[in-house]
Amino acid sequence: MDDQEFEKIIELITQRTGIIPRDSHITGIKNFINKRLKELSEKEAQVYYELLCSNRDEMISLINSATVNETYFFREEAQFQLLQSKILPAIKAAAPAKAIRIWSAASSSGEEIYSLLLLAEAMNIKTECTASDINTKVLEECEAGLYKKNAVRSVDGAAFHHLLAPYRQADGSFVLPEKICSKVTRRQINLSRLTDFPKNQDIIFIRNVFIYFSNEMKKQILNLIAQQSLLPGGYLFVSMNEIASIDSTILPDSLEKVADGKVFYFRKRTQAGVSL
């Protein structure tokens, strides 16, 4: 497979998903393609390209290989501390009987959405949680609720590790029971398709995904989230290393950037133009 053939497949990935693979991921994608060519007893990359265009399952397998899904429980601990101290209590106080709707929009294998769920339950807050990802394999892992010991980090997130203690096994792994896993709705969503986003969400986490999108795609996704997914006064979190890349050129007027100490997030304005 020459460079031109490989670039053509990379362009197809971007066309179908909006993802622009980073240099650090290119080798892994190329290795996957070469492996598939051998499995298919095929030498011509053009034949594989045509298969990708016509076979949805093959395209999904390639997309699964092209997406990086490294995550862990209570990642970026400061965001969870803010949720615990201010945001979740404020939402509950405004509507005590209401279940808080939370969407993890790039959920990977589920550590993020389960972190949010376990925190809310520890605070006696009802939730309706949705986990979505383009990668079907990691959604299956999310459903299983089985995690190796490296799903936690010794420092980041440590303030909340006690919430995982009931599910820790003797070998350091974690097994979430069905009564926990069943509280999360899992959906395959291709963010770049700009369709079928969950509606009326109080909190949305879409972390470590904008780094793979063009500014135009970021703008379209943010606009759709603001228009269709986030309730007025709702909260949108991205990863801390993505904050600087989301400026006024792509941020819709209905979202305002908010700073609380070292934590930045976005909040949807009310019709009057101010947050609740």
C-alpha atoms as a PDB file:
ATOM      1  CA  MET A   1       0.000   0.000   0.000  1.00  0.00           C
ATOM      2  CA  ASP A   2       1.608   3.252  -1.109  1.00  0.00           C
ATOM      3  CA  ASP A   3       1.212   6.649   0.537  1.00  0.00           C
ATOM      4  CA  GLN A   4      -1.359   7.854  -1.993  1.00  0.00           C
ATOM      5  CA  GLU A   5      -3.596   4.836  -1.392  1.00  0.00           C
ATOM      6  CA  PHE A   6      -3.262   5.270   2.359  1.00  0.00           C
ATOM      7  CA  GLU A   7      -4.137   8.980   2.182  1.00  0.00           C
ATOM      8  CA  LYS A   8      -7.250   8.110   0.207  1.00  0.00           C
ATOM      9  CA  ILE A   9      -8.410   5.833   3.044  1.00  0.00           C
ATOM     10  CA  ILE A  10      -7.601   8.507   5.639  1.00  0.00           C
ATOM     11  CA  GLU A  11      -9.712  10.977   3.635  1.00  0.00           C
ATOM     12  CA  LEU A  12     -12.568   8.454   3.709  1.00  0.00           C
ATOM     13  CA  ILE A  13     -12.316   8.223   7.510  1.00  0.00           C
ATOM     14  CA  THR A  14     -12.518  12.017   7.752  1.00  0.00           C
ATOM     15  CA  GLN A  15     -15.418  12.152   5.312  1.00  0.00           C
ATOM     16  CA  ARG A  16     -17.422   9.570   7.265  1.00  0.00           C
ATOM     17  CA  THR A  17     -16.581  10.696  10.806  1.00  0.00           C
ATOM     18  CA  GLY A  18     -15.179  14.227  10.724  1.00  0.00           C
ATOM     19  CA  ILE A  19     -12.095  12.833  12.483  1.00  0.00           C
ATOM     20  CA  ILE A  20      -8.723  14.076  11.295  1.00  0.00           C
ATOM     21  CA  PRO A  21      -6.328  11.403  12.623  1.00  0.00           C
ATOM     22  CA  ARG A  22      -3.330  12.814  14.449  1.00  0.00           C
ATOM     23  CA  ASP A  23       0.206  11.868  13.481  1.00  0.00           C
ATOM     24  CA  SER A  24       0.491   9.732  16.610  1.00  0.00           C
ATOM     25  CA  HIS A  25      -2.428   7.541  15.414  1.00  0.00           C
ATOM     26  CA  ILE A  26      -1.406   7.107  11.795  1.00  0.00           C
ATOM     27  CA  THR A  27       0.908   4.141  12.416  1.00  0.00           C
ATOM     28  CA  GLY A  28      -1.813   2.220  14.251  1.00  0.00           C
ATOM     29  CA  ILE A  29      -4.305   2.807  11.427  1.00  0.00           C
ATOM     30  CA  LYS A  30      -1.785   1.719   8.811  1.00  0.00           C
ATOM     31  CA  ASN A  31      -0.993  -1.437  10.783  1.00  0.00           C
ATOM     32  CA  PHE A  32      -4.701  -2.258  11.026  1.00  0.00           C
ATOM     33  CA  ILE A  33      -5.177  -1.820   7.277  1.00  0.00           C
ATOM     34  CA  ASN A  34      -2.173  -4.023   6.469  1.00  0.00           C
ATOM     35  CA  LYS A  35      -3.506  -6.657   8.862  1.00  0.00           C
ATOM     36  CA  ARG A  36      -6.901  -6.604   7.160  1.00  0.00           C
ATOM     37  CA  LEU A  37      -5.340  -6.880   3.708  1.00  0.00           C
ATOM     38  CA  LYS A  38      -3.546 -10.048   4.843  1.00  0.00           C
ATOM     39  CA  GLU A  39      -6.717 -11.464   6.419  1.00  0.00           C
ATOM     40  CA  LEU A  40      -8.592 -10.807   3.183  1.00  0.00           C
ATOM     41  CA  SER A  41      -5.735 -12.274   1.117  1.00  0.00           C
ATOM     42  CA  GLU A  42      -5.746  -9.009  -0.768  1.00  0.00           C
ATOM     43  CA  LYS A  43      -2.783  -7.024  -2.061  1.00  0.00           C
ATOM     44  CA  GLU A  44      -4.625  -4.133  -3.683  1.00  0.00           C
ATOM     45  CA  ALA A  45      -5.520  -1.286  -1.327  1.00  0.00           C
ATOM     46  CA  GLN A  46      -8.041  -0.036  -3.900  1.00  0.00           C
ATOM     47  CA  VAL A  47     -10.085  -3.220  -3.432  1.00  0.00           C
ATOM     48  CA  TYR A  48     -10.092  -2.632   0.329  1.00  0.00           C
ATOM     49  CA  TYR A  49     -11.131   0.986  -0.240  1.00  0.00           C
ATOM     50  CA  GLU A  50     -14.073  -0.167  -2.341  1.00  0.00           C
ATOM     51  CA  LEU A  51     -14.995  -2.664   0.386  1.00  0.00           C
ATOM     52  CA  LEU A  52     -15.011   0.150   2.943  1.00  0.00           C
ATOM     53  CA  CYS A  53     -17.360   2.170   0.751  1.00  0.00           C
ATOM     54  CA  SER A  54     -19.827  -0.697   0.326  1.00  0.00           C
ATOM     55  CA  ASN A  55     -19.609  -2.637   3.596  1.00  0.00           C
ATOM     56  CA  ARG A  56     -20.812  -0.842   6.745  1.00  0.00           C
ATOM     57  CA  ASP A  57     -19.342  -3.443   9.125  1.00  0.00           C
ATOM     58  CA  GLU A  58     -15.908  -3.130   7.543  1.00  0.00           C
ATOM     59  CA  MET A  59     -16.074   0.651   7.834  1.00  0.00           C
ATOM     60  CA  ILE A  60     -17.068   0.365  11.494  1.00  0.00           C
ATOM     61  CA  SER A  61     -14.074  -1.903  12.143  1.00  0.00           C
ATOM     62  CA  LEU A  62     -11.749   0.642  10.585  1.00  0.00           C
ATOM     63  CA  ILE A  63     -13.317   3.496  12.552  1.00  0.00           C
ATOM     64  CA  ASN A  64     -12.946   1.472  15.747  1.00  0.00           C
ATOM     65  CA  SER A  65      -9.244   1.106  14.990  1.00  0.00           C
ATOM     66  CA  ALA A  66      -8.865   4.804  14.185  1.00  0.00           C
ATOM     67  CA  THR A  67     -10.297   6.149  17.440  1.00  0.00           C
ATOM     68  CA  VAL A  68      -8.172   6.363  20.582  1.00  0.00           C
ATOM     69  CA  ASN A  69     -10.051   5.511  23.760  1.00  0.00           C
ATOM     70  CA  GLU A  70      -7.665   6.044  26.660  1.00  0.00           C
ATOM     71  CA  THR A  71      -9.579   7.220  29.697  1.00  0.00           C
ATOM     72  CA  TYR A  72      -9.970   6.558  33.412  1.00  0.00           C
ATOM     73  CA  PHE A  73     -12.364   7.197  36.290  1.00  0.00           C
ATOM     74  CA  PHE A  74     -12.770  10.778  37.544  1.00  0.00           C
ATOM     75  CA  ARG A  75     -10.360  12.148  34.956  1.00  0.00           C
ATOM     76  CA  GLU A  76      -9.691  15.870  35.437  1.00  0.00           C
ATOM     77  CA  GLU A  77     -10.676  15.720  39.070  1.00  0.00           C
ATOM     78  CA  ALA A  78     -11.214  19.477  39.428  1.00  0.00           C
ATOM     79  CA  GLN A  79     -14.252  19.291  37.160  1.00  0.00           C
ATOM     80  CA  PHE A  80     -15.823  16.635  39.376  1.00  0.00           C
ATOM     81  CA  GLN A  81     -15.044  18.672  42.478  1.00  0.00           C
ATOM     82  CA  LEU A  82     -16.924  21.607  40.953  1.00  0.00           C
ATOM     83  CA  LEU A  83     -19.853  19.365  40.085  1.00  0.00           C
ATOM     84  CA  GLN A  84     -19.931  18.084  43.658  1.00  0.00           C
ATOM     85  CA  SER A  85     -19.569  21.422  45.425  1.00  0.00           C
ATOM     86  CA  LYS A  86     -21.692  23.710  43.260  1.00  0.00           C
ATOM     87  CA  ILE A  87     -23.254  22.499  40.038  1.00  0.00           C
ATOM     88  CA  LEU A  88     -25.118  19.338  41.038  1.00  0.00           C
ATOM     89  CA  PRO A  89     -26.490  20.928  44.250  1.00  0.00           C
ATOM     90  CA  ALA A  90     -27.672  23.972  42.252  1.00  0.00           C
ATOM     91  CA  ILE A  91     -29.509  21.864  39.671  1.00  0.00           C
ATOM     92  CA  LYS A  92     -31.101  19.746  42.388  1.00  0.00           C
ATOM     93  CA  ALA A  93     -32.174  22.794  44.379  1.00  0.00           C
ATOM     94  CA  ALA A  94     -33.868  24.294  41.322  1.00  0.00           C
ATOM     95  CA  ALA A  95     -35.895  21.130  40.646  1.00  0.00           C
ATOM     96  CA  PRO A  96     -35.688  18.690  43.590  1.00  0.00           C
ATOM     97  CA  ALA A  97     -37.921  15.996  42.080  1.00  0.00           C
ATOM     98  CA  LYS A  98     -36.383  16.049  38.631  1.00  0.00           C
ATOM     99  CA  ALA A  99     -33.851  13.511  37.372  1.00  0.00           C
ATOM    100  CA  ILE A 100     -30.744  15.323  36.123  1.00  0.00           C
ATOM    101  CA  ARG A 101     -29.988  14.406  32.516  1.00  0.00           C
ATOM    102  CA  ILE A 102     -26.316  13.807  31.771  1.00  0.00           C
ATOM    103  CA  TRP A 103     -24.801  12.957  28.401  1.00  0.00           C
ATOM    104  CA  SER A 104     -21.243  11.704  27.943  1.00  0.00           C
ATOM    105  CA  ALA A 105     -20.871  12.433  24.230  1.00  0.00           C
ATOM    106  CA  ALA A 106     -17.534  10.682  23.662  1.00  0.00           C
ATOM    107  CA  SER A 107     -17.866   8.109  26.378  1.00  0.00           C
ATOM    108  CA  SER A 108     -15.270   5.575  25.241  1.00  0.00           C
ATOM    109  CA  SER A 109     -15.466   2.476  27.476  1.00  0.00           C
ATOM    110  CA  GLY A 110     -17.639   4.202  30.069  1.00  0.00           C
ATOM    111  CA  GLU A 111     -15.358   5.419  32.838  1.00  0.00           C
ATOM    112  CA  GLU A 112     -16.583   8.991  32.374  1.00  0.00           C
ATOM    113  CA  ILE A 113     -20.327   8.330  32.492  1.00  0.00           C
ATOM    114  CA  TYR A 114     -19.988   5.926  35.425  1.00  0.00           C
ATOM    115  CA  SER A 115     -17.909   8.528  37.278  1.00  0.00           C
ATOM    116  CA  LEU A 116     -20.728  11.021  36.797  1.00  0.00           C
ATOM    117  CA  LEU A 117     -23.374   8.494  37.805  1.00  0.00           C
ATOM    118  CA  LEU A 118     -21.548   7.328  40.939  1.00  0.00           C
ATOM    119  CA  LEU A 119     -20.950  10.912  42.055  1.00  0.00           C
ATOM    120  CA  ALA A 120     -24.616  11.835  41.614  1.00  0.00           C
ATOM    121  CA  GLU A 121     -25.818   8.720  43.429  1.00  0.00           C
ATOM    122  CA  ALA A 122     -23.475   9.422  46.338  1.00  0.00           C
ATOM    123  CA  MET A 123     -25.189  12.813  46.593  1.00  0.00           C
ATOM    124  CA  ASN A 124     -28.639  11.180  46.478  1.00  0.00           C
ATOM    125  CA  ILE A 125     -29.379  12.779  43.105  1.00  0.00           C
ATOM    126  CA  LYS A 126     -31.488  10.997  40.504  1.00  0.00           C
ATOM    127  CA  THR A 127     -30.056  10.918  37.001  1.00  0.00           C
ATOM    128  CA  GLU A 128     -30.827   9.863  33.459  1.00  0.00           C
ATOM    129  CA  CYS A 129     -27.446   9.051  31.950  1.00  0.00           C
ATOM    130  CA  THR A 130     -26.578   8.570  28.288  1.00  0.00           C
ATOM    131  CA  ALA A 131     -23.227   7.351  26.978  1.00  0.00           C
ATOM    132  CA  SER A 132     -22.452   7.654  23.286  1.00  0.00           C
ATOM    133  CA  ASP A 133     -19.469   6.965  21.083  1.00  0.00           C
ATOM    134  CA  ILE A 134     -18.780   6.271  17.427  1.00  0.00           C
ATOM    135  CA  ASN A 135     -16.769   3.189  18.405  1.00  0.00           C
ATOM    136  CA  THR A 136     -19.064   0.172  18.877  1.00  0.00           C
ATOM    137  CA  LYS A 137     -16.398  -1.912  20.600  1.00  0.00           C
ATOM    138  CA  VAL A 138     -15.963   0.496  23.501  1.00  0.00           C
ATOM    139  CA  LEU A 139     -19.739   0.776  23.928  1.00  0.00           C
ATOM    140  CA  GLU A 140     -19.790  -2.990  24.460  1.00  0.00           C
ATOM    141  CA  GLU A 141     -17.102  -2.560  27.120  1.00  0.00           C
ATOM    142  CA  CYS A 142     -19.201   0.147  28.745  1.00  0.00           C
ATOM    143  CA  GLU A 143     -22.172  -2.209  28.858  1.00  0.00           C
ATOM    144  CA  ALA A 144     -20.089  -4.973  30.454  1.00  0.00           C
ATOM    145  CA  GLY A 145     -18.831  -2.682  33.240  1.00  0.00           C
ATOM    146  CA  LEU A 146     -15.527  -4.568  33.654  1.00  0.00           C
ATOM    147  CA  TYR A 147     -12.390  -2.469  34.196  1.00  0.00           C
ATOM    148  CA  LYS A 148      -8.726  -3.217  34.781  1.00  0.00           C
ATOM    149  CA  LYS A 149      -6.860  -1.623  37.656  1.00  0.00           C
ATOM    150  CA  ASN A 150      -5.346   1.007  35.335  1.00  0.00           C
ATOM    151  CA  ALA A 151      -8.850   2.477  35.017  1.00  0.00           C
ATOM    152  CA  VAL A 152      -7.882   4.636  37.997  1.00  0.00           C
ATOM    153  CA  ARG A 153      -4.847   6.876  38.405  1.00  0.00           C
ATOM    154  CA  SER A 154      -2.988   7.273  41.674  1.00  0.00           C
ATOM    155  CA  VAL A 155      -3.274  11.068  41.683  1.00  0.00           C
ATOM    156  CA  ASP A 156      -5.863  12.430  39.267  1.00  0.00           C
ATOM    157  CA  GLY A 157      -9.308  11.476  40.540  1.00  0.00           C
ATOM    158  CA  ALA A 158      -8.019  10.197  43.870  1.00  0.00           C
ATOM    159  CA  ALA A 159     -10.505  12.277  45.879  1.00  0.00           C
ATOM    160  CA  PHE A 160     -13.320  10.160  44.434  1.00  0.00           C
ATOM    161  CA  HIS A 161     -11.763   6.693  44.426  1.00  0.00           C
ATOM    162  CA  HIS A 162     -13.752   5.791  47.528  1.00  0.00           C
ATOM    163  CA  LEU A 163     -16.863   5.727  45.323  1.00  0.00           C
ATOM    164  CA  LEU A 164     -15.309   2.802  43.438  1.00  0.00           C
ATOM    165  CA  ALA A 165     -14.284   0.867  46.564  1.00  0.00           C
ATOM    166  CA  PRO A 166     -17.415  -1.349  46.671  1.00  0.00           C
ATOM    167  CA  TYR A 167     -16.602  -2.638  43.187  1.00  0.00           C
ATOM    168  CA  ARG A 168     -12.861  -3.244  43.563  1.00  0.00           C
ATOM    169  CA  GLN A 169     -11.748  -6.863  43.177  1.00  0.00           C
ATOM    170  CA  ALA A 170      -8.847  -8.611  44.885  1.00  0.00           C
ATOM    171  CA  ASP A 171      -6.634  -8.166  41.805  1.00  0.00           C
ATOM    172  CA  GLY A 172      -7.324  -4.412  41.705  1.00  0.00           C
ATOM    173  CA  SER A 173      -9.808  -4.556  38.835  1.00  0.00           C
ATOM    174  CA  PHE A 174     -13.376  -3.217  39.069  1.00  0.00           C
ATOM    175  CA  VAL A 175     -16.679  -4.942  38.329  1.00  0.00           C
ATOM    176  CA  LEU A 176     -19.748  -2.714  38.165  1.00  0.00           C
ATOM    177  CA  PRO A 177     -22.951  -4.654  38.878  1.00  0.00           C
ATOM    178  CA  GLU A 178     -25.959  -4.752  36.591  1.00  0.00           C
ATOM    179  CA  LYS A 179     -27.879  -2.412  38.894  1.00  0.00           C
ATOM    180  CA  ILE A 180     -25.288   0.275  38.061  1.00  0.00           C
ATOM    181  CA  CYS A 181     -24.737  -0.529  34.374  1.00  0.00           C
ATOM    182  CA  SER A 182     -28.476  -0.639  33.677  1.00  0.00           C
ATOM    183  CA  LYS A 183     -28.791   3.017  34.681  1.00  0.00           C
ATOM    184  CA  VAL A 184     -26.818   4.126  31.617  1.00  0.00           C
ATOM    185  CA  THR A 185     -28.348   4.246  28.140  1.00  0.00           C
ATOM    186  CA  ARG A 186     -25.726   3.498  25.485  1.00  0.00           C
ATOM    187  CA  ARG A 187     -25.956   4.762  21.911  1.00  0.00           C
ATOM    188  CA  GLN A 188     -23.670   4.802  18.904  1.00  0.00           C
ATOM    189  CA  ILE A 189     -23.572   8.406  17.701  1.00  0.00           C
ATOM    190  CA  ASN A 190     -21.387   9.813  14.954  1.00  0.00           C
ATOM    191  CA  LEU A 191     -21.033  13.415  16.084  1.00  0.00           C
ATOM    192  CA  SER A 192     -20.049  14.564  12.606  1.00  0.00           C
ATOM    193  CA  ARG A 193     -23.408  13.437  11.201  1.00  0.00           C
ATOM    194  CA  LEU A 194     -25.082  16.111  13.341  1.00  0.00           C
ATOM    195  CA  THR A 195     -28.155  13.955  13.916  1.00  0.00           C
ATOM    196  CA  ASP A 196     -29.856  12.108  16.754  1.00  0.00           C
ATOM    197  CA  PHE A 197     -28.207  14.073  19.572  1.00  0.00           C
ATOM    198  CA  PRO A 198     -29.905  13.570  22.978  1.00  0.00           C
ATOM    199  CA  LYS A 199     -32.289  16.398  23.881  1.00  0.00           C
ATOM    200  CA  ASN A 200     -32.940  18.438  27.042  1.00  0.00           C
ATOM    201  CA  GLN A 201     -29.666  17.678  28.808  1.00  0.00           C
ATOM    202  CA  ASP A 202     -28.634  19.413  32.029  1.00  0.00           C
ATOM    203  CA  ILE A 203     -24.959  18.448  31.763  1.00  0.00           C
ATOM    204  CA  ILE A 204     -22.953  17.401  28.717  1.00  0.00           C
ATOM    205  CA  PHE A 205     -19.381  16.116  28.772  1.00  0.00           C
ATOM    206  CA  ILE A 206     -17.686  16.102  25.365  1.00  0.00           C
ATOM    207  CA  ARG A 207     -14.049  15.787  26.336  1.00  0.00           C
ATOM    208  CA  ASN A 208     -10.970  14.901  24.302  1.00  0.00           C
ATOM    209  CA  VAL A 209     -12.852  14.722  21.011  1.00  0.00           C
ATOM    210  CA  PHE A 210     -12.610  18.240  19.554  1.00  0.00           C
ATOM    211  CA  ILE A 211      -8.870  17.710  19.100  1.00  0.00           C
ATOM    212  CA  TYR A 212      -9.746  15.435  16.160  1.00  0.00           C
ATOM    213  CA  PHE A 213     -12.113  17.852  14.379  1.00  0.00           C
ATOM    214  CA  SER A 214     -11.652  20.841  12.102  1.00  0.00           C
ATOM    215  CA  ASN A 215     -12.775  24.243  13.387  1.00  0.00           C
ATOM    216  CA  GLU A 216     -15.778  24.131  11.060  1.00  0.00           C
ATOM    217  CA  MET A 217     -16.865  20.750  12.438  1.00  0.00           C
ATOM    218  CA  LYS A 218     -16.354  21.960  16.014  1.00  0.00           C
ATOM    219  CA  LYS A 219     -18.557  24.963  15.220  1.00  0.00           C
ATOM    220  CA  GLN A 220     -21.329  22.803  13.775  1.00  0.00           C
ATOM    221  CA  ILE A 221     -21.301  20.402  16.717  1.00  0.00           C
ATOM    222  CA  LEU A 222     -21.340  23.226  19.276  1.00  0.00           C
ATOM    223  CA  ASN A 223     -24.212  24.918  17.463  1.00  0.00           C
ATOM    224  CA  LEU A 224     -26.280  21.744  17.434  1.00  0.00           C
ATOM    225  CA  ILE A 225     -25.561  21.063  21.104  1.00  0.00           C
ATOM    226  CA  ALA A 226     -26.614  24.620  21.972  1.00  0.00           C
ATOM    227  CA  GLN A 227     -29.735  24.512  19.829  1.00  0.00           C
ATOM    228  CA  GLN A 228     -31.015  20.989  20.447  1.00  0.00           C
ATOM    229  CA  SER A 229     -29.256  19.202  23.291  1.00  0.00           C
ATOM    230  CA  LEU A 230     -28.565  21.588  26.157  1.00  0.00           C
ATOM    231  CA  LEU A 231     -31.298  23.028  28.334  1.00  0.00           C
ATOM    232  CA  PRO A 232     -31.197  26.775  29.102  1.00  0.00           C
ATOM    233  CA  GLY A 233     -28.789  27.169  31.997  1.00  0.00           C
ATOM    234  CA  GLY A 234     -27.234  23.789  31.192  1.00  0.00           C
ATOM    235  CA  TYR A 235     -23.527  23.019  31.504  1.00  0.00           C
ATOM    236  CA  LEU A 236     -21.083  21.864  28.832  1.00  0.00           C
ATOM    237  CA  PHE A 237     -17.657  20.486  29.766  1.00  0.00           C
ATOM    238  CA  VAL A 238     -14.733  19.871  27.434  1.00  0.00           C
ATOM    239  CA  SER A 239     -11.265  18.752  28.500  1.00  0.00           C
ATOM    240  CA  MET A 240      -9.062  21.419  30.017  1.00  0.00           C
ATOM    241  CA  ASN A 241      -6.576  21.165  27.145  1.00  0.00           C
ATOM    242  CA  GLU A 242      -9.317  21.919  24.622  1.00  0.00           C
ATOM    243  CA  ILE A 243     -10.617  25.106  26.238  1.00  0.00           C
ATOM    244  CA  ALA A 244      -8.183  27.407  24.434  1.00  0.00           C
ATOM    245  CA  SER A 245      -9.184  26.050  21.030  1.00  0.00           C
ATOM    246  CA  ILE A 246     -12.845  26.967  21.544  1.00  0.00           C
ATOM    247  CA  ASP A 247     -12.986  30.712  21.015  1.00  0.00           C
ATOM    248  CA  SER A 248     -15.530  33.250  19.774  1.00  0.00           C
ATOM    249  CA  THR A 249     -15.032  32.201  16.145  1.00  0.00           C
ATOM    250  CA  ILE A 250     -16.689  28.828  16.745  1.00  0.00           C
ATOM    251  CA  LEU A 251     -18.665  29.343  19.970  1.00  0.00           C
ATOM    252  CA  PRO A 252     -22.384  30.061  19.421  1.00  0.00           C
ATOM    253  CA  ASP A 253     -23.782  33.203  21.036  1.00  0.00           C
ATOM    254  CA  SER A 254     -26.054  31.102  23.239  1.00  0.00           C
ATOM    255  CA  LEU A 255     -23.058  29.594  25.050  1.00  0.00           C
ATOM    256  CA  GLU A 256     -20.870  31.582  27.397  1.00  0.00           C
ATOM    257  CA  LYS A 257     -17.485  30.558  28.749  1.00  0.00           C
ATOM    258  CA  VAL A 258     -17.383  30.526  32.541  1.00  0.00           C
ATOM    259  CA  ALA A 259     -14.354  30.353  34.840  1.00  0.00           C
ATOM    260  CA  ASP A 260     -14.619  29.006  38.379  1.00  0.00           C
ATOM    261  CA  GLY A 261     -11.147  28.980  39.882  1.00  0.00           C
ATOM    262  CA  LYS A 262      -9.038  26.835  37.562  1.00  0.00           C
ATOM    263  CA  VAL A 263     -12.044  25.143  35.977  1.00  0.00           C
ATOM    264  CA  PHE A 264     -13.535  26.438  32.748  1.00  0.00           C
ATOM    265  CA  TYR A 265     -16.832  25.298  31.268  1.00  0.00           C
ATOM    266  CA  PHE A 266     -19.602  26.576  29.017  1.00  0.00           C
ATOM    267  CA  ARG A 267     -23.144  27.440  30.022  1.00  0.00           C
ATOM    268  CA  LYS A 268     -26.208  27.969  27.886  1.00  0.00           C
ATOM    269  CA  ARG A 269     -27.770  31.375  28.244  1.00  0.00           C
ATOM    270  CA  THR A 270     -31.463  31.845  28.904  1.00  0.00           C
ATOM    271  CA  GLN A 271     -33.649  33.672  26.377  1.00  0.00           C
ATOM    272  CA  ALA A 272     -32.967  36.857  28.292  1.00  0.00           C
ATOM    273  CA  GLY A 273     -29.297  36.455  27.449  1.00  0.00           C
ATOM    274  CA  VAL A 274     -28.008  35.527  30.897  1.00  0.00           C
ATOM    275  CA  SER A 275     -27.420  32.191  32.575  1.00  0.00           C
ATOM    276  CA  LEU A 276     -29.813  30.919  35.194  1.00  0.00           C
END
